[in-house]
Amino acid sequence: MSTPIAGSELRCALAFDVGAKRTGVAVGNSLTMSARALTVIEHAGDSADWARIDTLRKEWRPDVLVVGEPLTLEGEAQPATHRARAFAERLRKQFGLPVILVDERSSSKEADARFAKSRALGTARRRDAAMQDAIAAQVILERWLLAGMPVEA
């Protein structure tokens, strides 16, 4: 069962699309119910750049952190799921903020489609392709916002 976070309680959220080599980051808020791709954080070896994540946390002062949970099409866990869950747990421990896992199935496909549309419109170039991970984080955050910002009870 999940309960929504009241809009007056939440202003800013940072979302993460955790990958093996980099993590996309998006920012959004409950006032406009919108999100935008922010940046991509390259990993140093097997670990994210936690100093950079902390800089983003200090800059945006989020009330909640949202992490995409990459389940299989059948809803089962896979190696990427465990990586995202470990990332979420480290966020929770390191920053003391609520961390919400959101099903991210098909978010990369949607991010790819958005990027392709931007390229077709001339608002993005091939060199901007690295931002697709941040766009995926934006998709994840938009889904959570539009679902009423549910949290685990």
N, C-alpha and C. Protein backbone atom coordinates (compact mmCIF):
# COMPACT_ATOMS: atom_id res chain seq x y z
N MET A 1 0.84 -1.19 0.00
CA MET A 1 0.00 0.00 0.00
C MET A 1 0.88 1.24 0.00
N SER A 2 0.45 2.25 -0.71
CA SER A 2 1.22 3.48 -0.73
C SER A 2 0.31 4.66 -0.43
N THR A 3 0.91 5.70 0.08
CA THR A 3 0.18 6.92 0.38
C THR A 3 0.89 8.07 -0.30
N PRO A 4 0.16 9.08 -0.76
CA PRO A 4 0.82 10.20 -1.43
C PRO A 4 1.45 11.15 -0.43
N ILE A 5 2.46 11.84 -0.90
CA ILE A 5 3.05 12.92 -0.13
C ILE A 5 2.25 14.17 -0.49
N ALA A 6 1.77 14.87 0.49
CA ALA A 6 0.98 16.08 0.23
C ALA A 6 1.85 17.11 -0.49
N GLY A 7 1.28 17.77 -1.48
CA GLY A 7 2.01 18.75 -2.28
C GLY A 7 2.64 19.85 -1.44
N SER A 8 1.98 20.21 -0.33
CA SER A 8 2.54 21.27 0.50
C SER A 8 3.78 20.80 1.25
N GLU A 9 3.93 19.47 1.39
CA GLU A 9 5.08 18.93 2.09
C GLU A 9 6.29 18.78 1.18
N LEU A 10 6.05 18.65 -0.11
CA LEU A 10 7.13 18.38 -1.04
C LEU A 10 7.25 19.51 -2.04
N ARG A 11 8.42 20.02 -2.17
CA ARG A 11 8.65 21.05 -3.17
C ARG A 11 9.59 20.56 -4.27
N CYS A 12 10.70 19.95 -3.89
CA CYS A 12 11.72 19.58 -4.85
C CYS A 12 12.09 18.11 -4.73
N ALA A 13 12.33 17.47 -5.86
CA ALA A 13 12.78 16.07 -5.89
C ALA A 13 13.91 15.95 -6.89
N LEU A 14 14.89 15.14 -6.55
CA LEU A 14 15.94 14.75 -7.48
C LEU A 14 15.69 13.30 -7.83
N ALA A 15 15.84 12.97 -9.12
CA ALA A 15 15.64 11.59 -9.56
C ALA A 15 16.91 11.09 -10.22
N PHE A 16 17.12 9.78 -10.12
CA PHE A 16 18.33 9.15 -10.62
C PHE A 16 17.97 7.93 -11.48
N ASP A 17 18.58 7.85 -12.64
CA ASP A 17 18.52 6.66 -13.48
C ASP A 17 19.91 6.04 -13.42
N VAL A 18 20.05 5.01 -12.60
CA VAL A 18 21.34 4.41 -12.30
C VAL A 18 21.73 3.41 -13.38
N GLY A 19 22.91 3.62 -13.96
CA GLY A 19 23.43 2.69 -14.95
C GLY A 19 24.75 2.13 -14.48
N ALA A 20 25.31 1.26 -15.29
CA ALA A 20 26.58 0.63 -14.94
C ALA A 20 27.75 1.61 -15.07
N LYS A 21 27.67 2.55 -16.03
CA LYS A 21 28.78 3.47 -16.27
C LYS A 21 28.48 4.91 -15.91
N ARG A 22 27.21 5.26 -15.84
CA ARG A 22 26.83 6.64 -15.52
C ARG A 22 25.41 6.64 -14.96
N THR A 23 25.09 7.76 -14.30
CA THR A 23 23.78 7.93 -13.70
C THR A 23 23.19 9.24 -14.20
N GLY A 24 21.98 9.15 -14.74
CA GLY A 24 21.28 10.35 -15.17
C GLY A 24 20.56 10.98 -13.99
N VAL A 25 20.50 12.30 -13.97
CA VAL A 25 19.87 13.02 -12.87
C VAL A 25 18.85 14.02 -13.45
N ALA A 26 17.70 14.08 -12.80
CA ALA A 26 16.67 15.05 -13.16
C ALA A 26 16.19 15.74 -11.90
N VAL A 27 15.60 16.91 -12.07
CA VAL A 27 15.04 17.66 -10.96
C VAL A 27 13.60 18.00 -11.30
N GLY A 28 12.75 18.03 -10.29
CA GLY A 28 11.36 18.40 -10.52
C GLY A 28 10.73 18.87 -9.24
N ASN A 29 9.48 19.32 -9.35
CA ASN A 29 8.80 19.77 -8.14
C ASN A 29 7.31 19.51 -8.22
N SER A 30 6.70 19.51 -7.06
CA SER A 30 5.28 19.20 -6.95
C SER A 30 4.40 20.41 -7.26
N LEU A 31 4.97 21.60 -7.27
CA LEU A 31 4.16 22.78 -7.55
C LEU A 31 3.76 22.84 -9.02
N THR A 32 4.73 22.54 -9.89
CA THR A 32 4.43 22.54 -11.33
C THR A 32 4.14 21.14 -11.85
N MET A 33 4.40 20.13 -11.02
CA MET A 33 4.22 18.72 -11.40
C MET A 33 5.01 18.43 -12.68
N SER A 34 6.21 18.97 -12.73
CA SER A 34 7.05 18.78 -13.91
C SER A 34 8.48 18.45 -13.49
N ALA A 35 9.23 17.93 -14.46
CA ALA A 35 10.63 17.58 -14.22
C ALA A 35 11.43 17.95 -15.45
N ARG A 36 12.75 18.09 -15.24
CA ARG A 36 13.62 18.34 -16.38
C ARG A 36 14.93 17.59 -16.18
N ALA A 37 15.50 17.16 -17.29
CA ALA A 37 16.79 16.50 -17.26
C ALA A 37 17.83 17.50 -16.76
N LEU A 38 18.70 17.05 -15.89
CA LEU A 38 19.66 17.97 -15.27
C LEU A 38 21.09 17.71 -15.74
N THR A 39 21.57 16.49 -15.50
CA THR A 39 22.97 16.19 -15.81
C THR A 39 23.18 14.68 -15.82
N VAL A 40 24.36 14.29 -16.22
CA VAL A 40 24.79 12.89 -16.18
C VAL A 40 26.06 12.83 -15.35
N ILE A 41 26.09 11.89 -14.43
CA ILE A 41 27.25 11.71 -13.57
C ILE A 41 27.97 10.44 -14.00
N GLU A 42 29.21 10.60 -14.40
CA GLU A 42 30.02 9.44 -14.80
C GLU A 42 30.47 8.71 -13.53
N HIS A 43 30.57 7.40 -13.64
CA HIS A 43 31.02 6.60 -12.51
C HIS A 43 32.53 6.49 -12.51
N ALA A 44 33.08 6.45 -11.32
CA ALA A 44 34.51 6.22 -11.14
C ALA A 44 34.66 4.74 -10.77
N GLY A 45 35.01 3.92 -11.74
CA GLY A 45 35.06 2.48 -11.50
C GLY A 45 33.65 1.95 -11.34
N ASP A 46 33.39 1.26 -10.24
CA ASP A 46 32.06 0.70 -9.99
C ASP A 46 31.18 1.60 -9.15
N SER A 47 31.63 2.80 -8.85
CA SER A 47 30.89 3.66 -7.94
C SER A 47 30.55 5.00 -8.58
N ALA A 48 29.42 5.53 -8.19
CA ALA A 48 29.01 6.86 -8.64
C ALA A 48 29.91 7.91 -8.00
N ASP A 49 29.92 9.08 -8.55
CA ASP A 49 30.69 10.20 -8.02
C ASP A 49 29.86 10.84 -6.89
N TRP A 50 30.06 10.34 -5.68
CA TRP A 50 29.24 10.77 -4.54
C TRP A 50 29.46 12.22 -4.17
N ALA A 51 30.65 12.74 -4.42
CA ALA A 51 30.89 14.16 -4.15
C ALA A 51 30.03 15.02 -5.08
N ARG A 52 29.90 14.62 -6.32
CA ARG A 52 29.07 15.36 -7.28
C ARG A 52 27.58 15.27 -6.90
N ILE A 53 27.18 14.08 -6.46
CA ILE A 53 25.78 13.91 -6.02
C ILE A 53 25.51 14.81 -4.82
N ASP A 54 26.47 14.89 -3.90
CA ASP A 54 26.30 15.75 -2.74
C ASP A 54 26.23 17.22 -3.15
N THR A 55 27.01 17.61 -4.15
CA THR A 55 26.95 18.99 -4.65
C THR A 55 25.56 19.29 -5.20
N LEU A 56 24.99 18.36 -5.97
CA LEU A 56 23.64 18.54 -6.51
C LEU A 56 22.61 18.61 -5.38
N ARG A 57 22.79 17.77 -4.37
CA ARG A 57 21.87 17.79 -3.22
C ARG A 57 21.92 19.15 -2.52
N LYS A 58 23.09 19.67 -2.33
CA LYS A 58 23.23 20.98 -1.67
C LYS A 58 22.67 22.10 -2.54
N GLU A 59 22.86 22.00 -3.84
CA GLU A 59 22.37 23.03 -4.75
C GLU A 59 20.84 23.04 -4.83
N TRP A 60 20.23 21.88 -4.96
CA TRP A 60 18.78 21.80 -5.19
C TRP A 60 17.96 21.62 -3.92
N ARG A 61 18.59 21.17 -2.84
CA ARG A 61 17.92 20.97 -1.55
C ARG A 61 16.61 20.19 -1.69
N PRO A 62 16.69 18.97 -2.23
CA PRO A 62 15.47 18.18 -2.43
C PRO A 62 14.86 17.71 -1.12
N ASP A 63 13.54 17.52 -1.17
CA ASP A 63 12.80 16.96 -0.04
C ASP A 63 12.76 15.44 -0.12
N VAL A 64 12.96 14.91 -1.33
CA VAL A 64 12.89 13.48 -1.57
C VAL A 64 13.80 13.13 -2.74
N LEU A 65 14.30 11.90 -2.72
CA LEU A 65 15.13 11.39 -3.81
C LEU A 65 14.39 10.21 -4.44
N VAL A 66 14.35 10.19 -5.77
CA VAL A 66 13.62 9.15 -6.50
C VAL A 66 14.65 8.38 -7.34
N VAL A 67 14.60 7.05 -7.23
CA VAL A 67 15.54 6.21 -7.96
C VAL A 67 14.75 5.25 -8.84
N GLY A 68 15.12 5.18 -10.11
CA GLY A 68 14.48 4.23 -11.01
C GLY A 68 14.85 2.81 -10.64
N GLU A 69 13.86 1.93 -10.59
CA GLU A 69 14.07 0.52 -10.26
C GLU A 69 13.88 -0.29 -11.54
N PRO A 70 14.97 -0.77 -12.13
CA PRO A 70 14.90 -1.47 -13.41
C PRO A 70 14.49 -2.94 -13.26
N LEU A 71 13.21 -3.18 -13.31
CA LEU A 71 12.68 -4.54 -13.24
C LEU A 71 12.57 -5.12 -14.65
N THR A 72 12.49 -6.44 -14.75
CA THR A 72 12.27 -7.07 -16.04
C THR A 72 10.83 -6.79 -16.47
N LEU A 73 10.50 -7.10 -17.70
CA LEU A 73 9.13 -6.89 -18.19
C LEU A 73 8.11 -7.67 -17.37
N GLU A 74 8.56 -8.77 -16.75
CA GLU A 74 7.69 -9.57 -15.90
C GLU A 74 7.63 -9.04 -14.46
N GLY A 75 8.37 -7.98 -14.17
CA GLY A 75 8.37 -7.39 -12.84
C GLY A 75 9.34 -8.03 -11.87
N GLU A 76 10.28 -8.80 -12.40
CA GLU A 76 11.26 -9.49 -11.56
C GLU A 76 12.54 -8.66 -11.42
N ALA A 77 13.29 -8.94 -10.35
CA ALA A 77 14.58 -8.29 -10.13
C ALA A 77 15.62 -8.88 -11.08
N GLN A 78 16.61 -8.09 -11.40
CA GLN A 78 17.73 -8.48 -12.25
C GLN A 78 18.97 -7.81 -11.69
N PRO A 79 20.18 -8.08 -12.23
CA PRO A 79 21.39 -7.44 -11.68
C PRO A 79 21.29 -5.91 -11.61
N ALA A 80 20.72 -5.28 -12.61
CA ALA A 80 20.59 -3.82 -12.58
C ALA A 80 19.67 -3.37 -11.45
N THR A 81 18.70 -4.19 -11.11
CA THR A 81 17.78 -3.87 -10.00
C THR A 81 18.55 -3.79 -8.70
N HIS A 82 19.43 -4.75 -8.48
CA HIS A 82 20.22 -4.78 -7.25
C HIS A 82 21.16 -3.58 -7.16
N ARG A 83 21.72 -3.18 -8.31
CA ARG A 83 22.59 -2.00 -8.35
C ARG A 83 21.80 -0.75 -7.96
N ALA A 84 20.60 -0.60 -8.52
CA ALA A 84 19.77 0.57 -8.22
C ALA A 84 19.33 0.56 -6.76
N ARG A 85 18.98 -0.59 -6.23
CA ARG A 85 18.56 -0.68 -4.82
C ARG A 85 19.71 -0.34 -3.89
N ALA A 86 20.92 -0.79 -4.21
CA ALA A 86 22.09 -0.47 -3.39
C ALA A 86 22.38 1.03 -3.45
N PHE A 87 22.23 1.63 -4.63
CA PHE A 87 22.41 3.07 -4.79
C PHE A 87 21.38 3.81 -3.93
N ALA A 88 20.12 3.37 -3.98
CA ALA A 88 19.06 4.00 -3.19
C ALA A 88 19.36 3.91 -1.70
N GLU A 89 19.84 2.77 -1.26
CA GLU A 89 20.15 2.59 0.16
C GLU A 89 21.30 3.51 0.58
N ARG A 90 22.30 3.66 -0.28
CA ARG A 90 23.41 4.55 0.05
C ARG A 90 22.92 6.00 0.11
N LEU A 91 22.04 6.40 -0.82
CA LEU A 91 21.46 7.75 -0.76
C LEU A 91 20.77 7.97 0.58
N ARG A 92 19.96 6.99 0.98
CA ARG A 92 19.19 7.08 2.23
C ARG A 92 20.12 7.26 3.43
N LYS A 93 21.14 6.42 3.48
CA LYS A 93 22.08 6.48 4.61
C LYS A 93 22.93 7.74 4.60
N GLN A 94 23.40 8.14 3.43
CA GLN A 94 24.33 9.26 3.34
C GLN A 94 23.66 10.61 3.54
N PHE A 95 22.42 10.75 3.05
CA PHE A 95 21.80 12.07 3.07
C PHE A 95 20.61 12.18 4.01
N GLY A 96 20.12 11.07 4.54
CA GLY A 96 19.03 11.13 5.50
C GLY A 96 17.71 11.65 4.93
N LEU A 97 17.54 11.50 3.64
CA LEU A 97 16.30 11.94 2.99
C LEU A 97 15.47 10.72 2.60
N PRO A 98 14.15 10.91 2.45
CA PRO A 98 13.34 9.80 1.94
C PRO A 98 13.79 9.44 0.52
N VAL A 99 13.88 8.15 0.26
CA VAL A 99 14.26 7.66 -1.06
C VAL A 99 13.16 6.73 -1.55
N ILE A 100 12.65 7.02 -2.73
CA ILE A 100 11.55 6.27 -3.31
C ILE A 100 12.05 5.52 -4.54
N LEU A 101 11.76 4.23 -4.61
CA LEU A 101 12.07 3.45 -5.81
C LEU A 101 10.84 3.47 -6.72
N VAL A 102 11.06 3.75 -8.01
CA VAL A 102 9.98 3.84 -8.98
C VAL A 102 10.27 2.90 -10.14
N ASP A 103 9.29 2.10 -10.50
CA ASP A 103 9.42 1.19 -11.63
C ASP A 103 9.80 1.99 -12.87
N GLU A 104 10.92 1.65 -13.46
CA GLU A 104 11.39 2.43 -14.61
C GLU A 104 11.24 1.70 -15.93
N ARG A 105 10.45 0.63 -15.96
CA ARG A 105 10.30 -0.11 -17.21
C ARG A 105 9.90 0.82 -18.35
N SER A 106 10.59 0.70 -19.45
CA SER A 106 10.37 1.44 -20.69
C SER A 106 10.77 2.92 -20.61
N SER A 107 11.36 3.36 -19.51
CA SER A 107 11.76 4.77 -19.42
C SER A 107 12.88 5.08 -20.42
N SER A 108 13.79 4.14 -20.64
CA SER A 108 14.87 4.38 -21.59
C SER A 108 14.33 4.49 -23.01
N LYS A 109 13.34 3.68 -23.33
CA LYS A 109 12.73 3.77 -24.67
C LYS A 109 12.05 5.12 -24.85
N GLU A 110 11.36 5.58 -23.81
CA GLU A 110 10.71 6.89 -23.89
C GLU A 110 11.75 7.99 -23.99
N ALA A 111 12.85 7.86 -23.26
CA ALA A 111 13.92 8.86 -23.33
C ALA A 111 14.53 8.87 -24.73
N ASP A 112 14.73 7.69 -25.31
CA ASP A 112 15.26 7.60 -26.67
C ASP A 112 14.33 8.30 -27.66
N ALA A 113 13.02 8.08 -27.50
CA ALA A 113 12.05 8.70 -28.40
C ALA A 113 12.05 10.22 -28.24
N ARG A 114 12.15 10.70 -27.02
CA ARG A 114 12.19 12.15 -26.78
C ARG A 114 13.45 12.76 -27.40
N PHE A 115 14.58 12.05 -27.24
CA PHE A 115 15.83 12.56 -27.80
C PHE A 115 15.75 12.58 -29.33
N ALA A 116 15.20 11.52 -29.93
CA ALA A 116 15.06 11.47 -31.38
C ALA A 116 14.17 12.61 -31.88
N LYS A 117 13.11 12.89 -31.15
CA LYS A 117 12.22 14.00 -31.53
C LYS A 117 12.97 15.34 -31.45
N SER A 118 13.76 15.52 -30.39
CA SER A 118 14.54 16.75 -30.24
C SER A 118 15.55 16.89 -31.37
N ARG A 119 16.15 15.77 -31.77
CA ARG A 119 17.10 15.80 -32.90
C ARG A 119 16.38 16.19 -34.17
N ALA A 120 15.19 15.61 -34.39
CA ALA A 120 14.41 15.91 -35.59
C ALA A 120 14.00 17.38 -35.63
N LEU A 121 13.72 17.94 -34.47
CA LEU A 121 13.33 19.35 -34.39
C LEU A 121 14.53 20.29 -34.43
N GLY A 122 15.72 19.72 -34.32
CA GLY A 122 16.93 20.54 -34.34
C GLY A 122 17.30 21.15 -33.01
N THR A 123 16.64 20.71 -31.92
CA THR A 123 16.94 21.27 -30.60
C THR A 123 17.99 20.45 -29.85
N ALA A 124 18.40 19.32 -30.42
CA ALA A 124 19.47 18.50 -29.83
C ALA A 124 20.35 17.99 -30.96
N ARG A 125 21.59 17.73 -30.62
CA ARG A 125 22.56 17.21 -31.59
C ARG A 125 23.08 15.87 -31.10
N ARG A 126 23.75 15.16 -31.99
CA ARG A 126 24.29 13.85 -31.63
C ARG A 126 25.20 13.93 -30.41
N ARG A 127 25.96 15.02 -30.30
CA ARG A 127 26.87 15.16 -29.15
C ARG A 127 26.12 15.26 -27.82
N ASP A 128 24.83 15.54 -27.86
CA ASP A 128 24.02 15.62 -26.65
C ASP A 128 23.49 14.25 -26.20
N ALA A 129 23.88 13.19 -26.90
CA ALA A 129 23.34 11.86 -26.63
C ALA A 129 23.59 11.39 -25.19
N ALA A 130 24.65 11.85 -24.57
CA ALA A 130 24.92 11.45 -23.19
C ALA A 130 23.80 11.89 -22.25
N MET A 131 23.08 12.91 -22.64
CA MET A 131 21.98 13.40 -21.79
C MET A 131 20.78 12.45 -21.78
N GLN A 132 20.79 11.41 -22.61
CA GLN A 132 19.66 10.48 -22.63
C GLN A 132 19.44 9.84 -21.26
N ASP A 133 20.51 9.62 -20.51
CA ASP A 133 20.35 9.06 -19.16
C ASP A 133 19.64 10.06 -18.25
N ALA A 134 19.93 11.34 -18.42
CA ALA A 134 19.24 12.37 -17.64
C ALA A 134 17.78 12.48 -18.07
N ILE A 135 17.53 12.29 -19.37
CA ILE A 135 16.15 12.31 -19.86
C ILE A 135 15.38 11.12 -19.29
N ALA A 136 16.04 9.97 -19.17
CA ALA A 136 15.39 8.80 -18.55
C ALA A 136 15.04 9.11 -17.09
N ALA A 137 15.93 9.79 -16.37
CA ALA A 137 15.64 10.20 -14.99
C ALA A 137 14.45 11.15 -14.97
N GLN A 138 14.35 12.03 -15.95
CA GLN A 138 13.22 12.94 -16.06
C GLN A 138 11.92 12.15 -16.24
N VAL A 139 11.94 11.15 -17.10
CA VAL A 139 10.75 10.31 -17.34
C VAL A 139 10.33 9.63 -16.04
N ILE A 140 11.30 9.08 -15.32
CA ILE A 140 11.02 8.40 -14.05
C ILE A 140 10.38 9.38 -13.07
N LEU A 141 10.93 10.57 -12.96
CA LEU A 141 10.41 11.56 -12.02
C LEU A 141 9.01 12.03 -12.43
N GLU A 142 8.80 12.25 -13.72
CA GLU A 142 7.46 12.65 -14.18
C GLU A 142 6.43 11.58 -13.87
N ARG A 143 6.78 10.32 -14.06
CA ARG A 143 5.85 9.23 -13.74
C ARG A 143 5.47 9.25 -12.27
N TRP A 144 6.47 9.47 -11.42
CA TRP A 144 6.20 9.48 -9.98
C TRP A 144 5.33 10.68 -9.60
N LEU A 145 5.65 11.83 -10.15
CA LEU A 145 4.85 13.02 -9.86
C LEU A 145 3.39 12.83 -10.32
N LEU A 146 3.23 12.34 -11.53
CA LEU A 146 1.89 12.17 -12.10
C LEU A 146 1.09 11.05 -11.43
N ALA A 147 1.80 10.13 -10.79
CA ALA A 147 1.12 9.05 -10.06
C ALA A 147 0.68 9.50 -8.67
N GLY A 148 0.89 10.76 -8.35
CA GLY A 148 0.48 11.27 -7.05
C GLY A 148 1.53 11.18 -5.99
N MET A 149 2.80 10.97 -6.40
CA MET A 149 3.94 10.92 -5.49
C MET A 149 3.78 9.87 -4.41
N PRO A 150 3.47 8.62 -4.78
CA PRO A 150 3.29 7.59 -3.77
C PRO A 150 4.60 7.24 -3.06
N VAL A 151 4.47 6.89 -1.81
CA VAL A 151 5.60 6.39 -1.02
C VAL A 151 5.14 5.10 -0.37
N GLU A 152 6.10 4.25 -0.04
CA GLU A 152 5.75 3.01 0.64
C GLU A 152 5.25 3.32 2.04
N ALA A 153 4.20 2.65 2.41
CA ALA A 153 3.62 2.87 3.75
C ALA A 153 4.34 2.04 4.78
